[in-house]
């Protein structure tokens, strides 16, 4: 019965190492892009709900002080649905002029990068 030689095993391990070295960074990039897309989609959902809220109440919704307001946004803006559910971003909505405007922001917890959308659908990302 003939087995594998040491050289054959080393070559197989080297090939696995090369494939892993290429695949892991690509996978990490995929995960990062997915998280960014999720945050952008959450901001657009907030924008759409804010427009509906303005139509119904003649003011934009604002949870007050900025912090991680995902739970308050889900409760008060999305009617208790768990729409904003993200461990990698914090969400808040701020207003500058009474209730005539808003800026929703998603801040990445790992880097502090901030993405925003306002009442005019002006985005920064």
C-alpha atoms as a PDB file:
ATOM      1  CA  UNK A   1       0.000   0.000   0.000  1.00  0.00           C
ATOM      2  CA  UNK A   2       1.521   3.268  -1.132  1.00  0.00           C
ATOM      3  CA  UNK A   3       0.791   6.538   0.765  1.00  0.00           C
ATOM      4  CA  UNK A   4       1.593  10.158   0.126  1.00  0.00           C
ATOM      5  CA  UNK A   5       5.161  11.319   0.246  1.00  0.00           C
ATOM      6  CA  UNK A   6       6.193  14.210   2.453  1.00  0.00           C
ATOM      7  CA  UNK A   7       6.703  16.415  -0.636  1.00  0.00           C
ATOM      8  CA  UNK A   8       3.155  15.713  -1.867  1.00  0.00           C
ATOM      9  CA  UNK A   9       1.706  16.622   1.531  1.00  0.00           C
ATOM     10  CA  UNK A  10       3.747  19.847   1.685  1.00  0.00           C
ATOM     11  CA  UNK A  11       2.566  20.827  -1.801  1.00  0.00           C
ATOM     12  CA  UNK A  12      -1.067  20.163  -0.842  1.00  0.00           C
ATOM     13  CA  UNK A  13      -0.685  22.266   2.327  1.00  0.00           C
ATOM     14  CA  UNK A  14       0.980  25.063   0.344  1.00  0.00           C
ATOM     15  CA  UNK A  15      -1.895  25.106  -2.160  1.00  0.00           C
ATOM     16  CA  UNK A  16      -4.444  25.251   0.663  1.00  0.00           C
ATOM     17  CA  UNK A  17      -2.472  28.123   2.245  1.00  0.00           C
ATOM     18  CA  UNK A  18      -2.433  30.091  -1.022  1.00  0.00           C
ATOM     19  CA  UNK A  19      -6.160  29.602  -1.580  1.00  0.00           C
ATOM     20  CA  UNK A  20      -6.855  30.690   2.005  1.00  0.00           C
ATOM     21  CA  UNK A  21      -4.610  33.756   1.658  1.00  0.00           C
ATOM     22  CA  UNK A  22      -6.636  34.868  -1.355  1.00  0.00           C
ATOM     23  CA  UNK A  23     -10.103  33.896  -0.114  1.00  0.00           C
ATOM     24  CA  UNK A  24     -10.089  35.359   3.409  1.00  0.00           C
ATOM     25  CA  UNK A  25      -9.499  39.027   2.431  1.00  0.00           C
ATOM     26  CA  UNK A  26     -12.122  38.770  -0.300  1.00  0.00           C
ATOM     27  CA  UNK A  27     -14.605  37.319   2.163  1.00  0.00           C
ATOM     28  CA  UNK A  28     -13.867  40.080   4.679  1.00  0.00           C
ATOM     29  CA  UNK A  29     -14.410  42.680   1.951  1.00  0.00           C
ATOM     30  CA  UNK A  30     -17.709  41.050   1.075  1.00  0.00           C
ATOM     31  CA  UNK A  31     -18.836  41.167   4.713  1.00  0.00           C
ATOM     32  CA  UNK A  32     -17.831  44.842   5.032  1.00  0.00           C
ATOM     33  CA  UNK A  33     -19.708  45.792   1.855  1.00  0.00           C
ATOM     34  CA  UNK A  34     -22.782  43.897   3.035  1.00  0.00           C
ATOM     35  CA  UNK A  35     -22.774  45.777   6.354  1.00  0.00           C
ATOM     36  CA  UNK A  36     -22.396  49.131   4.567  1.00  0.00           C
ATOM     37  CA  UNK A  37     -25.253  48.300   2.205  1.00  0.00           C
ATOM     38  CA  UNK A  38     -27.425  47.301   5.159  1.00  0.00           C
ATOM     39  CA  UNK A  39     -26.719  50.634   6.890  1.00  0.00           C
ATOM     40  CA  UNK A  40     -27.561  52.576   3.715  1.00  0.00           C
ATOM     41  CA  UNK A  41     -30.791  50.607   3.295  1.00  0.00           C
ATOM     42  CA  UNK A  42     -31.687  51.334   6.926  1.00  0.00           C
ATOM     43  CA  UNK A  43     -31.131  55.049   6.343  1.00  0.00           C
ATOM     44  CA  UNK A  44     -33.327  54.993   3.252  1.00  0.00           C
ATOM     45  CA  UNK A  45     -36.037  53.173   5.243  1.00  0.00           C
ATOM     46  CA  UNK A  46     -35.798  55.931   7.874  1.00  0.00           C
ATOM     47  CA  UNK A  47     -36.072  58.556   5.123  1.00  0.00           C
ATOM     48  CA  UNK A  48     -39.212  56.923   3.694  1.00  0.00           C
ATOM     49  CA  UNK A  49     -40.829  56.584   7.136  1.00  0.00           C
ATOM     50  CA  UNK A  50     -39.935  60.176   7.968  1.00  0.00           C
ATOM     51  CA  UNK A  51     -41.758  61.362   4.846  1.00  0.00           C
ATOM     52  CA  UNK A  52     -44.806  59.339   5.886  1.00  0.00           C
ATOM     53  CA  UNK A  53     -44.534  60.654   9.457  1.00  0.00           C
ATOM     54  CA  UNK A  54     -44.394  64.234   8.135  1.00  0.00           C
ATOM     55  CA  UNK A  55     -47.492  63.654   6.003  1.00  0.00           C
ATOM     56  CA  UNK A  56     -49.431  62.292   8.963  1.00  0.00           C
ATOM     57  CA  UNK A  57     -48.172  64.634  11.731  1.00  0.00           C
ATOM     58  CA  UNK A  58     -46.885  67.796   9.975  1.00  0.00           C
ATOM     59  CA  UNK A  59     -43.539  67.324  11.785  1.00  0.00           C
ATOM     60  CA  UNK A  60     -40.580  64.984  11.402  1.00  0.00           C
ATOM     61  CA  UNK A  61     -39.928  62.459  14.137  1.00  0.00           C
ATOM     62  CA  UNK A  62     -36.909  63.034  16.375  1.00  0.00           C
ATOM     63  CA  UNK A  63     -35.994  60.894  19.387  1.00  0.00           C
ATOM     64  CA  UNK A  64     -34.202  63.822  21.040  1.00  0.00           C
ATOM     65  CA  UNK A  65     -30.570  63.507  22.084  1.00  0.00           C
ATOM     66  CA  UNK A  66     -28.367  61.610  19.662  1.00  0.00           C
ATOM     67  CA  UNK A  67     -27.019  58.259  20.751  1.00  0.00           C
ATOM     68  CA  UNK A  68     -27.880  54.755  19.714  1.00  0.00           C
ATOM     69  CA  UNK A  69     -31.572  55.364  19.127  1.00  0.00           C
ATOM     70  CA  UNK A  70     -32.310  52.245  17.079  1.00  0.00           C
ATOM     71  CA  UNK A  71     -34.825  50.938  19.633  1.00  0.00           C
ATOM     72  CA  UNK A  72     -36.663  54.282  19.838  1.00  0.00           C
ATOM     73  CA  UNK A  73     -36.687  54.598  16.045  1.00  0.00           C
ATOM     74  CA  UNK A  74     -38.089  51.079  15.709  1.00  0.00           C
ATOM     75  CA  UNK A  75     -40.758  51.748  18.328  1.00  0.00           C
ATOM     76  CA  UNK A  76     -41.860  55.253  17.386  1.00  0.00           C
ATOM     77  CA  UNK A  77     -41.153  55.525  13.671  1.00  0.00           C
ATOM     78  CA  UNK A  78     -41.613  51.930  12.492  1.00  0.00           C
ATOM     79  CA  UNK A  79     -44.513  51.087  14.804  1.00  0.00           C
ATOM     80  CA  UNK A  80     -42.638  48.525  16.869  1.00  0.00           C
ATOM     81  CA  UNK A  81     -41.229  46.550  13.950  1.00  0.00           C
ATOM     82  CA  UNK A  82     -37.588  45.593  14.337  1.00  0.00           C
ATOM     83  CA  UNK A  83     -36.417  47.310  11.125  1.00  0.00           C
ATOM     84  CA  UNK A  84     -33.213  48.922  12.408  1.00  0.00           C
ATOM     85  CA  UNK A  85     -31.367  45.901  13.767  1.00  0.00           C
ATOM     86  CA  UNK A  86     -27.642  46.270  13.366  1.00  0.00           C
ATOM     87  CA  UNK A  87     -24.777  45.520  15.751  1.00  0.00           C
ATOM     88  CA  UNK A  88     -22.220  47.324  13.604  1.00  0.00           C
ATOM     89  CA  UNK A  89     -23.821  50.789  13.362  1.00  0.00           C
ATOM     90  CA  UNK A  90     -25.546  53.162  15.745  1.00  0.00           C
ATOM     91  CA  UNK A  91     -28.476  55.182  14.438  1.00  0.00           C
ATOM     92  CA  UNK A  92     -29.868  58.560  15.404  1.00  0.00           C
ATOM     93  CA  UNK A  93     -32.073  61.290  14.011  1.00  0.00           C
ATOM     94  CA  UNK A  94     -31.355  64.952  14.699  1.00  0.00           C
ATOM     95  CA  UNK A  95     -33.137  68.190  13.869  1.00  0.00           C
ATOM     96  CA  UNK A  96     -31.690  71.672  13.515  1.00  0.00           C
ATOM     97  CA  UNK A  97     -34.718  73.905  12.972  1.00  0.00           C
ATOM     98  CA  UNK A  98     -37.670  73.002  15.198  1.00  0.00           C
ATOM     99  CA  UNK A  99     -39.420  70.182  13.344  1.00  0.00           C
ATOM    100  CA  UNK A 100     -38.994  71.324   9.735  1.00  0.00           C
ATOM    101  CA  UNK A 101     -36.009  69.138   8.943  1.00  0.00           C
ATOM    102  CA  UNK A 102     -34.109  66.049  10.018  1.00  0.00           C
ATOM    103  CA  UNK A 103     -30.821  64.288   9.488  1.00  0.00           C
ATOM    104  CA  UNK A 104     -30.653  60.552  10.055  1.00  0.00           C
ATOM    105  CA  UNK A 105     -27.209  59.129  10.598  1.00  0.00           C
ATOM    106  CA  UNK A 106     -25.639  55.721  10.882  1.00  0.00           C
ATOM    107  CA  UNK A 107     -22.269  55.674  12.619  1.00  0.00           C
ATOM    108  CA  UNK A 108     -20.025  52.664  12.217  1.00  0.00           C
ATOM    109  CA  UNK A 109     -19.076  51.463  15.686  1.00  0.00           C
ATOM    110  CA  UNK A 110     -15.656  50.131  14.684  1.00  0.00           C
ATOM    111  CA  UNK A 111     -14.337  53.172  12.783  1.00  0.00           C
ATOM    112  CA  UNK A 112     -16.641  56.097  13.565  1.00  0.00           C
ATOM    113  CA  UNK A 113     -17.486  56.587   9.872  1.00  0.00           C
ATOM    114  CA  UNK A 114     -20.847  58.322   9.545  1.00  0.00           C
ATOM    115  CA  UNK A 115     -23.392  58.022   6.768  1.00  0.00           C
ATOM    116  CA  UNK A 116     -26.343  60.415   6.594  1.00  0.00           C
ATOM    117  CA  UNK A 117     -29.589  61.188   4.798  1.00  0.00           C
ATOM    118  CA  UNK A 118     -31.695  64.310   5.292  1.00  0.00           C
ATOM    119  CA  UNK A 119     -35.243  65.449   4.558  1.00  0.00           C
ATOM    120  CA  UNK A 120     -34.253  66.341   0.978  1.00  0.00           C
ATOM    121  CA  UNK A 121     -32.808  62.849   0.400  1.00  0.00           C
ATOM    122  CA  UNK A 122     -29.296  64.314   0.319  1.00  0.00           C
ATOM    123  CA  UNK A 123     -26.976  61.493   1.285  1.00  0.00           C
ATOM    124  CA  UNK A 124     -23.351  61.259   2.298  1.00  0.00           C
ATOM    125  CA  UNK A 125     -21.682  57.902   1.933  1.00  0.00           C
END
